[in-house]
Protein backbone atom coordinates (compact mmCIF):
# COMPACT_ATOMS: atom_id res chain seq x y z
CA MET A 1 44.81 41.10 41.47
CA LEU A 2 47.88 42.85 40.97
CA ASP A 3 50.06 39.99 40.45
CA ILE A 4 47.67 38.73 37.46
CA ASN A 5 47.14 42.18 36.07
CA GLY A 6 50.52 43.95 36.38
CA LYS A 7 50.89 46.59 33.91
CA ASP A 8 48.51 45.18 31.39
CA GLU A 9 46.39 47.73 30.21
CA SER A 10 43.96 45.38 28.70
CA LYS A 11 43.36 43.22 31.94
CA TRP A 12 42.99 46.69 33.68
CA GLN A 13 40.70 47.63 31.10
CA ASP A 14 38.27 44.62 31.95
CA PHE A 15 38.66 45.33 35.83
CA LEU A 16 37.28 48.98 34.93
CA LYS A 17 34.19 47.85 32.94
CA VAL A 18 33.32 45.58 35.72
CA ALA A 19 33.76 48.27 38.26
CA ASP A 20 31.83 50.53 35.72
CA SER A 21 28.87 48.21 35.99
CA GLN A 22 28.50 48.84 39.55
CA ASN A 23 25.07 50.35 40.33
CA SER A 24 26.92 52.74 43.06
CA PRO A 25 30.59 53.50 41.97
CA GLU A 26 30.58 55.89 45.43
CA ALA A 27 30.01 52.74 47.41
CA ILE A 28 33.21 50.94 46.16
CA GLU A 29 35.55 54.25 46.20
CA GLY A 30 37.26 53.22 48.93
CA PHE A 31 38.14 49.57 47.42
CA LEU A 32 39.14 51.60 43.93
CA LEU A 33 41.41 53.88 46.04
CA ALA A 34 43.09 50.93 47.82
CA VAL A 35 43.50 49.30 44.20
CA LYS A 36 45.10 52.44 43.06
CA ASP A 37 47.42 53.04 46.05
CA CYS A 38 48.31 49.19 45.61
CA TYR A 39 49.32 49.53 42.20
CA LEU A 40 51.56 52.45 42.77
CA ASP A 41 53.34 50.83 45.74
CA LYS A 42 53.67 47.24 44.73
CA ILE A 43 54.00 47.41 40.63
CA PRO A 44 57.86 48.27 39.88
CA GLY A 45 58.46 51.28 38.16
CA ALA A 46 54.49 52.41 38.51
CA LYS A 47 53.75 56.26 38.15
CA ASP A 48 50.56 58.30 38.62
CA THR A 49 50.72 58.50 34.75
CA ASP A 50 50.27 54.80 33.89
CA PHE A 51 47.01 53.79 32.70
CA LEU A 52 45.21 52.37 35.62
CA PRO A 53 45.81 55.53 38.18
CA LYS A 54 45.13 57.99 35.20
CA GLU A 55 41.69 56.09 34.48
CA MET A 56 40.47 55.73 37.96
CA THR A 57 41.66 59.26 38.30
CA SER A 58 39.41 60.50 35.63
CA ARG A 59 36.64 58.07 35.66
CA TYR A 60 35.74 58.03 39.40
CA ASN A 61 37.49 61.25 40.53
CA ILE A 62 39.80 59.56 42.90
CA THR A 63 42.19 61.69 44.26
CA ILE A 64 44.75 61.15 47.06
CA ALA A 65 44.98 64.09 49.49
CA VAL A 66 48.16 64.67 51.02
CA PRO A 67 47.87 66.37 54.54
CA PRO A 68 49.91 69.43 55.17
CA GLN A 69 52.99 69.04 56.81
CA SER A 70 53.49 71.27 60.22
CA SER A 71 56.18 73.62 60.14
CA GLN A 72 56.62 73.32 63.63
CA ALA A 73 59.78 72.27 65.06
CA VAL A 74 59.83 69.31 67.70
CA SER A 75 62.24 69.76 70.38
CA PRO A 76 64.07 66.57 71.78
CA GLY A 77 63.43 66.02 75.42
């Protein structure tokens, strides 16, 4: 899907129309999050502000929660 759609906004709009037509968007939330993550990871120069990640975040309230880093030092040995 990423190879076909790339950064083509019109192709992603078609993809989102199909996602919108699902009876239960909650049921495919994990899939949509995976698509967003893959897009950001695999498309050269992709940013959170690109059409697809921005639309998915606003339409489906999909966010990426980054767990806080522990400030505890780890000693070797």
